[in-house]
Every structure is written in structure tokens, then in C-alpha cells.
PDB file of all heavy atoms in Angstrom:
ATOM      1  N   VAL A   1    -234.069  -1.480-139.287  1.00  0.00           N
ATOM      2  CA  VAL A   1    -233.869  -1.016-137.939  1.00  0.00           C
ATOM      3  C   VAL A   1    -234.719  -1.866-137.006  1.00  0.00           C
ATOM      4  O   VAL A   1    -235.785  -2.316-137.365  1.00  0.00           O
ATOM      5  CB  VAL A   1    -234.220   0.481-137.740  1.00  0.00           C
ATOM      6  CG1 VAL A   1    -233.267   1.360-138.478  1.00  0.00           C
ATOM      7  CG2 VAL A   1    -235.653   0.788-138.157  1.00  0.00           C
ATOM      8  N   GLY A   2    -234.237  -2.049-135.768  1.00  0.00           N
ATOM      9  CA  GLY A   2    -235.047  -2.713-134.761  1.00  0.00           C
ATOM     10  C   GLY A   2    -236.052  -1.769-134.192  1.00  0.00           C
ATOM     11  O   GLY A   2    -235.756  -0.605-133.943  1.00  0.00           O
ATOM     12  N   SER A   3    -237.269  -2.218-133.987  1.00  0.00           N
ATOM     13  CA  SER A   3    -238.350  -1.332-133.485  1.00  0.00           C
ATOM     14  C   SER A   3    -238.501  -1.358-131.981  1.00  0.00           C
ATOM     15  O   SER A   3    -239.319  -0.599-131.453  1.00  0.00           O
ATOM     16  CB  SER A   3    -239.643  -1.661-134.195  1.00  0.00           C
ATOM     17  OG  SER A   3    -240.082  -2.961-133.789  1.00  0.00           O
ATOM     18  N   GLN A   4    -237.795  -2.259-131.302  1.00  0.00           N
ATOM     19  CA  GLN A   4    -237.934  -2.380-129.849  1.00  0.00           C
ATOM     20  C   GLN A   4    -236.592  -2.077-129.206  1.00  0.00           C
ATOM     21  O   GLN A   4    -236.039  -1.011-129.455  1.00  0.00           O
ATOM     22  CB  GLN A   4    -238.463  -3.806-129.540  1.00  0.00           C
ATOM     23  CG  GLN A   4    -239.900  -4.027-130.091  1.00  0.00           C
ATOM     24  CD  GLN A   4    -240.221  -5.474-130.385  1.00  0.00           C
ATOM     25  OE1 GLN A   4    -239.447  -6.172-131.015  1.00  0.00           O
ATOM     26  NE2 GLN A   4    -241.392  -5.939-129.992  1.00  0.00           N
ATOM     27  N   TRP A   5    -236.093  -2.959-128.336  1.00  0.00           N
ATOM     28  CA  TRP A   5    -234.778  -2.719-127.680  1.00  0.00           C
ATOM     29  C   TRP A   5    -233.688  -3.562-128.249  1.00  0.00           C
ATOM     30  O   TRP A   5    -232.728  -3.886-127.571  1.00  0.00           O
ATOM     31  CB  TRP A   5    -234.933  -2.956-126.166  1.00  0.00           C
ATOM     32  CG  TRP A   5    -235.575  -1.868-125.425  1.00  0.00           C
ATOM     33  CD1 TRP A   5    -235.066  -0.620-125.165  1.00  0.00           C
ATOM     34  CD2 TRP A   5    -236.856  -1.907-124.749  1.00  0.00           C
ATOM     35  NE1 TRP A   5    -235.965   0.121-124.414  1.00  0.00           N
ATOM     36  CE2 TRP A   5    -237.071  -0.641-124.152  1.00  0.00           C
ATOM     37  CE3 TRP A   5    -237.814  -2.880-124.620  1.00  0.00           C
ATOM     38  CZ2 TRP A   5    -238.214  -0.348-123.414  1.00  0.00           C
ATOM     39  CZ3 TRP A   5    -238.962  -2.593-123.900  1.00  0.00           C
ATOM     40  CH2 TRP A   5    -239.169  -1.327-123.315  1.00  0.00           C
ATOM     41  N   GLY A   6    -233.793  -3.909-129.487  1.00  0.00           N
ATOM     42  CA  GLY A   6    -232.806  -4.780-130.118  1.00  0.00           C
ATOM     43  C   GLY A   6    -233.185  -6.243-129.921  1.00  0.00           C
ATOM     44  O   GLY A   6    -234.233  -6.584-129.332  1.00  0.00           O
ATOM     45  N   ASP A   7    -232.366  -7.127-130.442  1.00  0.00           N
ATOM     46  CA  ASP A   7    -232.587  -8.574-130.333  1.00  0.00           C
ATOM     47  C   ASP A   7    -233.898  -8.997-130.966  1.00  0.00           C
ATOM     48  O   ASP A   7    -234.533  -9.982-130.542  1.00  0.00           O
ATOM     49  CB  ASP A   7    -232.555  -9.030-128.860  1.00  0.00           C
ATOM     50  CG  ASP A   7    -231.323  -8.565-128.141  1.00  0.00           C
ATOM     51  OD1 ASP A   7    -230.225  -8.862-128.628  1.00  0.00           O
ATOM     52  OD2 ASP A   7    -231.421  -7.881-127.103  1.00  0.00           O
ATOM     53  N   GLU A   8    -234.350  -8.310-132.020  1.00  0.00           N
ATOM     54  CA  GLU A   8    -235.644  -8.601-132.629  1.00  0.00           C
ATOM     55  C   GLU A   8    -235.540  -9.694-133.723  1.00  0.00           C
ATOM     56  O   GLU A   8    -236.545 -10.055-134.318  1.00  0.00           O
ATOM     57  CB  GLU A   8    -236.249  -7.345-133.276  1.00  0.00           C
ATOM     58  CG  GLU A   8    -236.548  -6.216-132.302  1.00  0.00           C
ATOM     59  CD  GLU A   8    -235.470  -5.168-132.293  1.00  0.00           C
ATOM     60  OE1 GLU A   8    -234.362  -5.477-132.806  1.00  0.00           O
ATOM     61  OE2 GLU A   8    -235.661  -4.098-131.739  1.00  0.00           O
ATOM     62  N   GLY A   9    -234.362 -10.188-133.950  1.00  0.00           N
ATOM     63  CA  GLY A   9    -234.200 -11.159-135.030  1.00  0.00           C
ATOM     64  C   GLY A   9    -233.710 -10.513-136.316  1.00  0.00           C
ATOM     65  O   GLY A   9    -234.020 -11.002-137.416  1.00  0.00           O
ATOM     66  N   LYS A  10    -232.978  -9.403-136.171  1.00  0.00           N
ATOM     67  CA  LYS A  10    -232.515  -8.673-137.365  1.00  0.00           C
ATOM     68  C   LYS A  10    -231.592  -9.517-138.218  1.00  0.00           C
ATOM     69  O   LYS A  10    -231.584  -9.399-139.435  1.00  0.00           O
ATOM     70  CB  LYS A  10    -231.812  -7.379-136.963  1.00  0.00           C
ATOM     71  CG  LYS A  10    -232.696  -6.302-136.354  1.00  0.00           C
ATOM     72  CD  LYS A  10    -231.973  -4.976-136.152  1.00  0.00           C
ATOM     73  CE  LYS A  10    -230.863  -5.084-135.167  1.00  0.00           C
ATOM     74  NZ  LYS A  10    -231.296  -5.430-133.805  1.00  0.00           N
ATOM     75  N   GLY A  11    -230.796 -10.374-137.557  1.00  0.00           N
ATOM     76  CA  GLY A  11    -229.818 -11.149-138.286  1.00  0.00           C
ATOM     77  C   GLY A  11    -230.448 -12.000-139.378  1.00  0.00           C
ATOM     78  O   GLY A  11    -230.006 -11.972-140.544  1.00  0.00           O
ATOM     79  N   LYS A  12    -231.503 -12.698-139.046  1.00  0.00           N
ATOM     80  CA  LYS A  12    -232.160 -13.557-139.996  1.00  0.00           C
ATOM     81  C   LYS A  12    -232.772 -12.734-141.162  1.00  0.00           C
ATOM     82  O   LYS A  12    -232.653 -13.052-142.339  1.00  0.00           O
ATOM     83  CB  LYS A  12    -233.249 -14.425-139.349  1.00  0.00           C
ATOM     84  CG  LYS A  12    -233.971 -15.277-140.370  1.00  0.00           C
ATOM     85  CD  LYS A  12    -235.408 -15.391-140.100  1.00  0.00           C
ATOM     86  CE  LYS A  12    -236.192 -16.024-141.209  1.00  0.00           C
ATOM     87  NZ  LYS A  12    -237.297 -16.857-140.730  1.00  0.00           N
ATOM     88  N   ILE A  13    -233.468 -11.640-140.779  1.00  0.00           N
ATOM     89  CA  ILE A  13    -234.134 -10.823-141.809  1.00  0.00           C
ATOM     90  C   ILE A  13    -233.114 -10.141-142.695  1.00  0.00           C
ATOM     91  O   ILE A  13    -233.262 -10.099-143.916  1.00  0.00           O
ATOM     92  CB  ILE A  13    -235.066  -9.795-141.130  1.00  0.00           C
ATOM     93  CG1 ILE A  13    -236.157 -10.505-140.330  1.00  0.00           C
ATOM     94  CG2 ILE A  13    -235.706  -8.891-142.198  1.00  0.00           C
ATOM     95  CD1 ILE A  13    -237.052 -11.413-141.125  1.00  0.00           C
ATOM     96  N   VAL A  14    -232.063  -9.604-142.082  1.00  0.00           N
ATOM     97  CA  VAL A  14    -231.006  -8.958-142.869  1.00  0.00           C
ATOM     98  C   VAL A  14    -230.340  -9.958-143.788  1.00  0.00           C
ATOM     99  O   VAL A  14    -230.064  -9.636-144.963  1.00  0.00           O
ATOM    100  CB  VAL A  14    -229.991  -8.259-141.940  1.00  0.00           C
ATOM    101  CG1 VAL A  14    -228.759  -7.840-142.757  1.00  0.00           C
ATOM    102  CG2 VAL A  14    -230.579  -7.050-141.264  1.00  0.00           C
ATOM    103  N   ASP A  15    -230.137 -11.129-143.287  1.00  0.00           N
ATOM    104  CA  ASP A  15    -229.529 -12.168-144.154  1.00  0.00           C
ATOM    105  C   ASP A  15    -230.467 -12.494-145.319  1.00  0.00           C
ATOM    106  O   ASP A  15    -230.040 -12.648-146.460  1.00  0.00           O
ATOM    107  CB  ASP A  15    -229.250 -13.440-143.324  1.00  0.00           C
ATOM    108  CG  ASP A  15    -228.812 -14.591-144.228  1.00  0.00           C
ATOM    109  OD1 ASP A  15    -227.815 -14.417-144.935  1.00  0.00           O
ATOM    110  OD2 ASP A  15    -229.460 -15.640-144.181  1.00  0.00           O
ATOM    111  N   TRP A  16    -231.765 -12.627-145.036  1.00  0.00           N
ATOM    112  CA  TRP A  16    -232.733 -12.917-146.058  1.00  0.00           C
ATOM    113  C   TRP A  16    -232.724 -11.776-147.119  1.00  0.00           C
ATOM    114  O   TRP A  16    -232.753 -12.068-148.308  1.00  0.00           O
ATOM    115  CB  TRP A  16    -234.116 -13.055-145.439  1.00  0.00           C
ATOM    116  CG  TRP A  16    -235.179 -13.540-146.392  1.00  0.00           C
ATOM    117  CD1 TRP A  16    -235.494 -14.832-146.692  1.00  0.00           C
ATOM    118  CD2 TRP A  16    -236.069 -12.745-147.190  1.00  0.00           C
ATOM    119  NE1 TRP A  16    -236.515 -14.894-147.604  1.00  0.00           N
ATOM    120  CE2 TRP A  16    -236.885 -13.612-147.948  1.00  0.00           C
ATOM    121  CE3 TRP A  16    -236.241 -11.364-147.339  1.00  0.00           C
ATOM    122  CZ2 TRP A  16    -237.863 -13.163-148.796  1.00  0.00           C
ATOM    123  CZ3 TRP A  16    -237.202 -10.902-148.216  1.00  0.00           C
ATOM    124  CH2 TRP A  16    -238.014 -11.792-148.938  1.00  0.00           C
ATOM    125  N   LEU A  17    -232.681 -10.557-146.656  1.00  0.00           N
ATOM    126  CA  LEU A  17    -232.640  -9.389-147.574  1.00  0.00           C
ATOM    127  C   LEU A  17    -231.297  -9.292-148.309  1.00  0.00           C
ATOM    128  O   LEU A  17    -231.245  -8.913-149.480  1.00  0.00           O
ATOM    129  CB  LEU A  17    -232.917  -8.105-146.800  1.00  0.00           C
ATOM    130  CG  LEU A  17    -234.355  -7.927-146.304  1.00  0.00           C
ATOM    131  CD1 LEU A  17    -234.419  -6.764-145.347  1.00  0.00           C
ATOM    132  CD2 LEU A  17    -235.322  -7.718-147.432  1.00  0.00           C
ATOM    133  N   SER A  18    -230.220  -9.635-147.608  1.00  0.00           N
ATOM    134  CA  SER A  18    -228.900  -9.507-148.207  1.00  0.00           C
ATOM    135  C   SER A  18    -228.724 -10.452-149.396  1.00  0.00           C
ATOM    136  O   SER A  18    -227.894 -10.160-150.267  1.00  0.00           O
ATOM    137  CB  SER A  18    -227.795  -9.730-147.156  1.00  0.00           C
ATOM    138  OG  SER A  18    -227.724 -11.054-146.761  1.00  0.00           O
ATOM    139  N   SER A  19    -229.490 -11.538-149.397  1.00  0.00           N
ATOM    140  CA  SER A  19    -229.401 -12.428-150.564  1.00  0.00           C
ATOM    141  C   SER A  19    -229.952 -11.766-151.810  1.00  0.00           C
ATOM    142  O   SER A  19    -229.657 -12.164-152.906  1.00  0.00           O
ATOM    143  CB  SER A  19    -230.188 -13.725-150.264  1.00  0.00           C
ATOM    144  OG  SER A  19    -231.570 -13.493-150.160  1.00  0.00           O
ATOM    145  N   ARG A  20    -230.744 -10.713-151.609  1.00  0.00           N
ATOM    146  CA  ARG A  20    -231.314  -9.945-152.734  1.00  0.00           C
ATOM    147  C   ARG A  20    -230.617  -8.630-152.969  1.00  0.00           C
ATOM    148  O   ARG A  20    -230.821  -8.008-153.991  1.00  0.00           O
ATOM    149  CB  ARG A  20    -232.778  -9.684-152.434  1.00  0.00           C
ATOM    150  CG  ARG A  20    -233.621 -10.966-152.213  1.00  0.00           C
ATOM    151  CD  ARG A  20    -235.001 -10.674-151.633  1.00  0.00           C
ATOM    152  NE  ARG A  20    -235.743  -9.732-152.446  1.00  0.00           N
ATOM    153  CZ  ARG A  20    -236.294 -10.020-153.584  1.00  0.00           C
ATOM    154  NH1 ARG A  20    -236.196 -11.215-154.066  1.00  0.00           N
ATOM    155  NH2 ARG A  20    -236.952  -9.118-154.256  1.00  0.00           N
ATOM    156  N   ALA A  21    -229.764  -8.208-152.027  1.00  0.00           N
ATOM    157  CA  ALA A  21    -229.044  -6.959-152.141  1.00  0.00           C
ATOM    158  C   ALA A  21    -227.704  -7.151-152.825  1.00  0.00           C
ATOM    159  O   ALA A  21    -227.185  -8.274-152.927  1.00  0.00           O
ATOM    160  CB  ALA A  21    -228.837  -6.339-150.751  1.00  0.00           C
ATOM    161  N   ASP A  22    -227.145  -6.043-153.294  1.00  0.00           N
ATOM    162  CA  ASP A  22    -225.812  -6.072-153.859  1.00  0.00           C
ATOM    163  C   ASP A  22    -224.771  -5.577-152.866  1.00  0.00           C
ATOM    164  O   ASP A  22    -223.608  -5.963-152.875  1.00  0.00           O
ATOM    165  CB  ASP A  22    -225.745  -5.177-155.101  1.00  0.00           C
ATOM    166  CG  ASP A  22    -226.721  -5.609-156.202  1.00  0.00           C
ATOM    167  OD1 ASP A  22    -226.587  -6.739-156.669  1.00  0.00           O
ATOM    168  OD2 ASP A  22    -227.624  -4.811-156.534  1.00  0.00           O
ATOM    169  N   VAL A  23    -225.224  -4.691-151.960  1.00  0.00           N
ATOM    170  CA  VAL A  23    -224.334  -4.062-150.979  1.00  0.00           C
ATOM    171  C   VAL A  23    -225.030  -4.038-149.653  1.00  0.00           C
ATOM    172  O   VAL A  23    -226.235  -3.745-149.556  1.00  0.00           O
ATOM    173  CB  VAL A  23    -224.002  -2.592-151.407  1.00  0.00           C
ATOM    174  CG1 VAL A  23    -222.982  -1.985-150.460  1.00  0.00           C
ATOM    175  CG2 VAL A  23    -223.528  -2.522-152.843  1.00  0.00           C
ATOM    176  N   VAL A  24    -224.299  -4.323-148.549  1.00  0.00           N
ATOM    177  CA  VAL A  24    -224.845  -4.243-147.198  1.00  0.00           C
ATOM    178  C   VAL A  24    -223.941  -3.297-146.397  1.00  0.00           C
ATOM    179  O   VAL A  24    -222.736  -3.456-146.331  1.00  0.00           O
ATOM    180  CB  VAL A  24    -224.905  -5.608-146.512  1.00  0.00           C
ATOM    181  CG1 VAL A  24    -225.540  -5.465-145.144  1.00  0.00           C
ATOM    182  CG2 VAL A  24    -225.688  -6.593-147.371  1.00  0.00           C
ATOM    183  N   VAL A  25    -224.577  -2.292-145.766  1.00  0.00           N
ATOM    184  CA  VAL A  25    -223.883  -1.253-145.039  1.00  0.00           C
ATOM    185  C   VAL A  25    -224.262  -1.231-143.561  1.00  0.00           C
ATOM    186  O   VAL A  25    -225.439  -1.082-143.250  1.00  0.00           O
ATOM    187  CB  VAL A  25    -224.158   0.151-145.644  1.00  0.00           C
ATOM    188  CG1 VAL A  25    -223.325   1.228-144.952  1.00  0.00           C
ATOM    189  CG2 VAL A  25    -223.900   0.169-147.168  1.00  0.00           C
ATOM    190  N   ARG A  26    -223.312  -1.376-142.665  1.00  0.00           N
ATOM    191  CA  ARG A  26    -223.533  -1.111-141.240  1.00  0.00           C
ATOM    192  C   ARG A  26    -223.375   0.363-140.999  1.00  0.00           C
ATOM    193  O   ARG A  26    -222.395   0.968-141.443  1.00  0.00           O
ATOM    194  CB  ARG A  26    -222.515  -1.873-140.379  1.00  0.00           C
ATOM    195  CG  ARG A  26    -222.956  -3.217-139.928  1.00  0.00           C
ATOM    196  CD  ARG A  26    -223.957  -3.237-138.755  1.00  0.00           C
ATOM    197  NE  ARG A  26    -223.534  -2.514-137.618  1.00  0.00           N
ATOM    198  CZ  ARG A  26    -222.805  -2.979-136.596  1.00  0.00           C
ATOM    199  NH1 ARG A  26    -222.381  -4.221-136.634  1.00  0.00           N
ATOM    200  NH2 ARG A  26    -222.503  -2.217-135.554  1.00  0.00           N
ATOM    201  N   PHE A  27    -224.319   1.009-140.296  1.00  0.00           N
ATOM    202  CA  PHE A  27    -224.271   2.447-140.178  1.00  0.00           C
ATOM    203  C   PHE A  27    -224.145   3.007-138.763  1.00  0.00           C
ATOM    204  O   PHE A  27    -224.053   4.218-138.574  1.00  0.00           O
ATOM    205  CB  PHE A  27    -225.451   3.100-140.893  1.00  0.00           C
ATOM    206  CG  PHE A  27    -226.808   2.700-140.353  1.00  0.00           C
ATOM    207  CD1 PHE A  27    -227.366   3.336-139.247  1.00  0.00           C
ATOM    208  CD2 PHE A  27    -227.604   1.741-140.992  1.00  0.00           C
ATOM    209  CE1 PHE A  27    -228.630   3.023-138.759  1.00  0.00           C
ATOM    210  CE2 PHE A  27    -228.831   1.398-140.502  1.00  0.00           C
ATOM    211  CZ  PHE A  27    -229.331   2.028-139.408  1.00  0.00           C
ATOM    212  N   GLN A  28    -224.138   2.157-137.739  1.00  0.00           N
ATOM    213  CA  GLN A  28    -223.949   2.677-136.355  1.00  0.00           C
ATOM    214  C   GLN A  28    -223.594   1.498-135.469  1.00  0.00           C
ATOM    215  O   GLN A  28    -223.652   0.329-135.870  1.00  0.00           O
ATOM    216  CB  GLN A  28    -225.181   3.380-135.833  1.00  0.00           C
ATOM    217  CG  GLN A  28    -226.483   2.642-135.855  1.00  0.00           C
ATOM    218  CD  GLN A  28    -226.725   1.610-134.734  1.00  0.00           C
ATOM    219  OE1 GLN A  28    -227.314   0.584-134.971  1.00  0.00           O
ATOM    220  NE2 GLN A  28    -226.294   1.907-133.505  1.00  0.00           N
ATOM    221  N   GLY A  29    -223.218   1.815-134.220  1.00  0.00           N
ATOM    222  CA  GLY A  29    -222.914   0.782-133.230  1.00  0.00           C
ATOM    223  C   GLY A  29    -221.473   0.322-133.291  1.00  0.00           C
ATOM    224  O   GLY A  29    -220.670   0.852-134.049  1.00  0.00           O
ATOM    225  N   GLY A  30    -221.207  -0.654-132.490  1.00  0.00           N
ATOM    226  CA  GLY A  30    -219.882  -1.243-132.448  1.00  0.00           C
ATOM    227  C   GLY A  30    -219.981  -2.737-132.425  1.00  0.00           C
ATOM    228  O   GLY A  30    -220.898  -3.324-132.976  1.00  0.00           O
ATOM    229  N   HIS A  31    -219.028  -3.384-131.767  1.00  0.00           N
ATOM    230  CA  HIS A  31    -219.030  -4.860-131.774  1.00  0.00           C
ATOM    231  C   HIS A  31    -219.783  -5.448-130.572  1.00  0.00           C
ATOM    232  O   HIS A  31    -219.574  -6.574-130.184  1.00  0.00           O
ATOM    233  CB  HIS A  31    -217.617  -5.410-131.807  1.00  0.00           C
ATOM    234  CG  HIS A  31    -216.733  -5.049-130.654  1.00  0.00           C
ATOM    235  ND1 HIS A  31    -216.510  -3.774-130.240  1.00  0.00           N
ATOM    236  CD2 HIS A  31    -216.038  -5.831-129.785  1.00  0.00           C
ATOM    237  CE1 HIS A  31    -215.720  -3.770-129.204  1.00  0.00           C
ATOM    238  NE2 HIS A  31    -215.409  -4.977-128.897  1.00  0.00           N
ATOM    239  N   ASN A  32    -220.733  -4.609-130.053  1.00  0.00           N
ATOM    240  CA  ASN A  32    -221.657  -5.133-129.059  1.00  0.00           C
ATOM    241  C   ASN A  32    -222.907  -5.674-129.711  1.00  0.00           C
ATOM    242  O   ASN A  32    -223.697  -6.381-129.060  1.00  0.00           O
ATOM    243  CB  ASN A  32    -222.054  -4.067-128.047  1.00  0.00           C
ATOM    244  CG  ASN A  32    -222.649  -2.824-128.701  1.00  0.00           C
ATOM    245  OD1 ASN A  32    -222.486  -2.606-129.894  1.00  0.00           O
ATOM    246  ND2 ASN A  32    -223.381  -2.040-127.911  1.00  0.00           N
TER     247      ASN A  32
END
């Protein structure tokens, strides 16, 4: 989760973690 108002660089971190994960789940929001 982002700890501020978004735009914290989640994409890079999630990508780094997703290389180690088997499943990635989006759980809220839309295409904004």
C-alpha cells in the first residue's frame, strides 16, 4: 500500500516483489 497520497513508486517495488510472487492481486481502484 502507498503510505502517502499515491505516486510513491509502487510500480517498481511491486514489480520487484512480483518477480518473487506466484500471484499478484489488484484489490481496489480503477484505471486512474
